[in-house]
């Protein structure tokens, strides 16, 4: 099962989403804690964001995981309903 992360910006990301942001240089990895799995990234706007792993069963009801390519991505159902 691939990890899901909660960002300090209030959004959720799958490992696929995080890798895509890092691979395209939208984010830059600043620190990674092997023990906790937390990652500190610098965003495109030069802000720091902490990504904390969360269990899928602890995700809010508005977060939906959908297949995307070889992984999954997050869909915010609050936005889809508007």
N, C-alpha and C. Protein backbone atom coordinates (compact mmCIF):
# COMPACT_ATOMS: atom_id res chain seq x y z
N UNK A 1 0.85 -1.18 0.00
CA UNK A 1 0.00 0.00 0.00
C UNK A 1 0.89 1.24 0.00
N UNK A 2 0.62 2.17 -0.90
CA UNK A 2 1.41 3.39 -1.00
C UNK A 2 0.98 4.39 0.07
N UNK A 3 1.95 5.12 0.62
CA UNK A 3 1.62 6.09 1.67
C UNK A 3 0.75 7.24 1.18
N UNK A 4 0.00 7.80 2.11
CA UNK A 4 -0.74 9.03 1.90
C UNK A 4 -0.19 10.03 2.90
N UNK A 5 0.00 11.27 2.45
CA UNK A 5 0.59 12.31 3.30
C UNK A 5 -0.40 13.45 3.48
N UNK A 6 -0.36 14.03 4.68
CA UNK A 6 -1.10 15.27 4.93
C UNK A 6 -0.09 16.39 4.96
N UNK A 7 -0.34 17.41 4.14
CA UNK A 7 0.54 18.57 4.11
C UNK A 7 0.10 19.62 5.10
N UNK A 8 1.05 20.42 5.56
CA UNK A 8 0.71 21.50 6.49
C UNK A 8 -0.15 22.57 5.81
N UNK A 9 -0.37 22.44 4.51
CA UNK A 9 -1.27 23.34 3.79
C UNK A 9 -2.72 22.84 3.84
N UNK A 10 -2.95 21.70 4.54
CA UNK A 10 -4.30 21.17 4.69
C UNK A 10 -4.73 20.22 3.58
N UNK A 11 -3.85 19.98 2.61
CA UNK A 11 -4.17 19.08 1.51
C UNK A 11 -3.54 17.71 1.74
N UNK A 12 -4.03 16.71 1.02
CA UNK A 12 -3.51 15.35 1.12
C UNK A 12 -2.87 14.97 -0.21
N UNK A 13 -1.84 14.13 -0.14
CA UNK A 13 -1.08 13.72 -1.32
C UNK A 13 -0.74 12.24 -1.22
N UNK A 14 -0.78 11.55 -2.35
CA UNK A 14 -0.29 10.18 -2.39
C UNK A 14 1.21 10.23 -2.66
N UNK A 15 1.87 9.09 -2.51
CA UNK A 15 3.30 9.02 -2.81
C UNK A 15 3.54 9.39 -4.28
N UNK A 16 2.64 8.98 -5.15
CA UNK A 16 2.74 9.33 -6.57
C UNK A 16 2.71 10.84 -6.76
N UNK A 17 1.79 11.51 -6.07
CA UNK A 17 1.69 12.98 -6.17
C UNK A 17 2.97 13.65 -5.70
N UNK A 18 3.50 13.17 -4.57
CA UNK A 18 4.73 13.75 -4.00
C UNK A 18 5.90 13.55 -4.96
N UNK A 19 6.05 12.32 -5.47
CA UNK A 19 7.15 12.04 -6.41
C UNK A 19 7.05 12.89 -7.66
N UNK A 20 5.85 13.09 -8.16
CA UNK A 20 5.67 13.91 -9.36
C UNK A 20 6.11 15.36 -9.10
N UNK A 21 5.75 15.89 -7.94
CA UNK A 21 6.14 17.28 -7.61
C UNK A 21 7.65 17.40 -7.46
N UNK A 22 8.27 16.39 -6.87
CA UNK A 22 9.73 16.41 -6.69
C UNK A 22 10.45 16.18 -8.03
N UNK A 23 9.96 15.25 -8.83
CA UNK A 23 10.60 14.94 -10.11
C UNK A 23 10.54 16.10 -11.10
N UNK A 24 9.50 16.91 -11.01
CA UNK A 24 9.34 18.05 -11.92
C UNK A 24 9.89 19.35 -11.33
N UNK A 25 10.53 19.23 -10.17
CA UNK A 25 11.15 20.39 -9.49
C UNK A 25 10.15 21.46 -9.07
N UNK A 26 8.88 21.07 -8.91
CA UNK A 26 7.90 21.98 -8.34
C UNK A 26 8.16 22.11 -6.84
N UNK A 27 8.55 20.99 -6.25
CA UNK A 27 8.98 20.96 -4.85
C UNK A 27 10.43 20.52 -4.79
N UNK A 28 11.10 20.92 -3.71
CA UNK A 28 12.47 20.48 -3.47
C UNK A 28 12.51 19.85 -2.08
N UNK A 29 13.03 18.63 -1.99
CA UNK A 29 13.13 17.93 -0.71
C UNK A 29 14.21 18.59 0.14
N UNK A 30 13.84 18.98 1.34
CA UNK A 30 14.79 19.62 2.26
C UNK A 30 15.23 18.66 3.36
N UNK A 31 14.31 17.79 3.80
CA UNK A 31 14.61 16.88 4.90
C UNK A 31 13.65 15.71 4.85
N UNK A 32 14.15 14.55 5.26
CA UNK A 32 13.31 13.36 5.35
C UNK A 32 13.71 12.62 6.60
N UNK A 33 12.74 12.32 7.45
CA UNK A 33 12.98 11.60 8.69
C UNK A 33 12.60 10.14 8.47
N UNK A 34 13.59 9.26 8.41
CA UNK A 34 13.33 7.83 8.15
C UNK A 34 12.46 7.20 9.23
N UNK A 35 12.58 7.66 10.46
CA UNK A 35 11.84 7.08 11.58
C UNK A 35 10.35 7.36 11.48
N UNK A 36 9.99 8.62 11.21
CA UNK A 36 8.57 9.01 11.18
C UNK A 36 7.99 9.03 9.78
N UNK A 37 8.84 9.08 8.76
CA UNK A 37 8.37 9.19 7.38
C UNK A 37 8.02 10.61 6.98
N UNK A 38 8.19 11.56 7.88
CA UNK A 38 7.88 12.96 7.56
C UNK A 38 8.88 13.51 6.56
N UNK A 39 8.37 14.36 5.68
CA UNK A 39 9.22 15.00 4.68
C UNK A 39 8.98 16.51 4.73
N UNK A 40 10.05 17.27 4.67
CA UNK A 40 9.96 18.72 4.60
C UNK A 40 10.35 19.11 3.18
N UNK A 41 9.45 19.82 2.50
CA UNK A 41 9.71 20.23 1.13
C UNK A 41 9.59 21.74 1.01
N UNK A 42 10.32 22.28 0.05
CA UNK A 42 10.18 23.68 -0.31
C UNK A 42 9.32 23.73 -1.56
N UNK A 43 8.27 24.53 -1.53
CA UNK A 43 7.35 24.60 -2.66
C UNK A 43 7.87 25.59 -3.69
N UNK A 44 7.19 25.62 -4.81
CA UNK A 44 7.56 26.52 -5.91
C UNK A 44 7.57 27.98 -5.47
N UNK A 45 6.72 28.32 -4.51
CA UNK A 45 6.65 29.71 -4.01
C UNK A 45 7.62 29.94 -2.85
N UNK A 46 8.60 29.03 -2.68
CA UNK A 46 9.65 29.14 -1.66
C UNK A 46 9.13 29.05 -0.23
N UNK A 47 7.98 28.39 -0.06
CA UNK A 47 7.45 28.15 1.28
C UNK A 47 7.78 26.73 1.70
N UNK A 48 7.95 26.51 3.00
CA UNK A 48 8.21 25.17 3.51
C UNK A 48 6.89 24.49 3.86
N UNK A 49 6.82 23.21 3.53
CA UNK A 49 5.63 22.43 3.85
C UNK A 49 6.08 21.08 4.40
N UNK A 50 5.49 20.68 5.52
CA UNK A 50 5.76 19.38 6.12
C UNK A 50 4.71 18.41 5.62
N UNK A 51 5.15 17.24 5.19
CA UNK A 51 4.28 16.16 4.76
C UNK A 51 4.37 15.05 5.79
N UNK A 52 3.24 14.70 6.37
CA UNK A 52 3.19 13.68 7.43
C UNK A 52 2.37 12.49 6.95
N UNK A 53 2.95 11.28 7.02
CA UNK A 53 2.19 10.09 6.61
C UNK A 53 0.96 9.88 7.50
N UNK A 54 -0.14 9.49 6.88
CA UNK A 54 -1.37 9.18 7.61
C UNK A 54 -1.91 7.84 7.14
N UNK A 55 -2.61 7.15 8.00
CA UNK A 55 -3.26 5.90 7.63
C UNK A 55 -4.48 6.21 6.78
N UNK A 56 -4.70 5.39 5.77
CA UNK A 56 -5.85 5.60 4.89
C UNK A 56 -7.17 5.62 5.65
N UNK A 57 -7.28 4.80 6.69
CA UNK A 57 -8.53 4.75 7.45
C UNK A 57 -8.73 6.00 8.32
N UNK A 58 -7.75 6.88 8.37
CA UNK A 58 -7.87 8.13 9.13
C UNK A 58 -8.12 9.34 8.24
N UNK A 59 -8.27 9.10 6.94
CA UNK A 59 -8.51 10.21 6.02
C UNK A 59 -9.91 10.77 6.21
N UNK A 60 -10.08 12.08 6.04
CA UNK A 60 -11.43 12.65 6.13
C UNK A 60 -12.34 12.07 5.06
N UNK A 61 -13.64 12.12 5.29
CA UNK A 61 -14.59 11.51 4.36
C UNK A 61 -14.58 12.17 2.98
N UNK A 62 -14.12 13.40 2.89
CA UNK A 62 -14.09 14.10 1.60
C UNK A 62 -12.87 13.75 0.74
N UNK A 63 -11.95 12.97 1.28
CA UNK A 63 -10.78 12.53 0.52
C UNK A 63 -11.08 11.20 -0.14
N UNK A 64 -10.89 11.16 -1.46
CA UNK A 64 -11.09 9.92 -2.20
C UNK A 64 -9.79 9.57 -2.92
N UNK A 65 -9.39 8.31 -2.85
CA UNK A 65 -8.22 7.82 -3.57
C UNK A 65 -8.68 7.21 -4.89
N UNK A 66 -8.12 7.71 -5.99
CA UNK A 66 -8.50 7.20 -7.31
C UNK A 66 -7.27 6.68 -8.03
N UNK A 67 -7.44 5.60 -8.82
CA UNK A 67 -6.32 5.10 -9.62
C UNK A 67 -5.85 6.17 -10.61
N UNK A 68 -4.53 6.24 -10.77
CA UNK A 68 -3.94 7.19 -11.72
C UNK A 68 -2.62 6.62 -12.20
N UNK A 69 -2.57 6.23 -13.45
CA UNK A 69 -1.34 5.63 -13.98
C UNK A 69 -1.00 4.37 -13.21
N UNK A 70 0.22 4.32 -12.70
CA UNK A 70 0.65 3.15 -11.93
C UNK A 70 0.47 3.35 -10.43
N UNK A 71 -0.22 4.40 -10.04
CA UNK A 71 -0.42 4.67 -8.62
C UNK A 71 -1.83 5.17 -8.37
N UNK A 72 -1.93 6.04 -7.41
CA UNK A 72 -3.22 6.63 -7.06
C UNK A 72 -3.02 8.13 -6.86
N UNK A 73 -4.11 8.85 -6.91
CA UNK A 73 -4.08 10.27 -6.64
C UNK A 73 -5.25 10.62 -5.74
N UNK A 74 -5.20 11.79 -5.15
CA UNK A 74 -6.24 12.26 -4.23
C UNK A 74 -7.26 13.09 -4.99
N UNK A 75 -8.53 12.85 -4.69
CA UNK A 75 -9.60 13.69 -5.19
C UNK A 75 -10.28 14.31 -3.98
N UNK A 76 -10.39 15.63 -3.98
CA UNK A 76 -11.08 16.35 -2.91
C UNK A 76 -12.55 16.46 -3.31
N UNK A 77 -13.39 15.66 -2.72
CA UNK A 77 -14.81 15.63 -3.10
C UNK A 77 -15.54 16.91 -2.73
N UNK A 78 -14.96 17.72 -1.85
CA UNK A 78 -15.60 19.01 -1.54
C UNK A 78 -15.56 19.91 -2.76
N UNK A 79 -14.47 19.82 -3.52
CA UNK A 79 -14.34 20.66 -4.71
C UNK A 79 -15.25 20.16 -5.82
N UNK A 80 -15.35 18.84 -6.00
CA UNK A 80 -16.22 18.27 -7.03
C UNK A 80 -17.67 18.63 -6.82
N UNK A 81 -18.11 18.79 -5.56
CA UNK A 81 -19.51 19.07 -5.27
C UNK A 81 -19.90 20.50 -5.55
N UNK A 82 -18.91 21.40 -5.59
CA UNK A 82 -19.22 22.82 -5.82
C UNK A 82 -19.60 23.10 -7.25
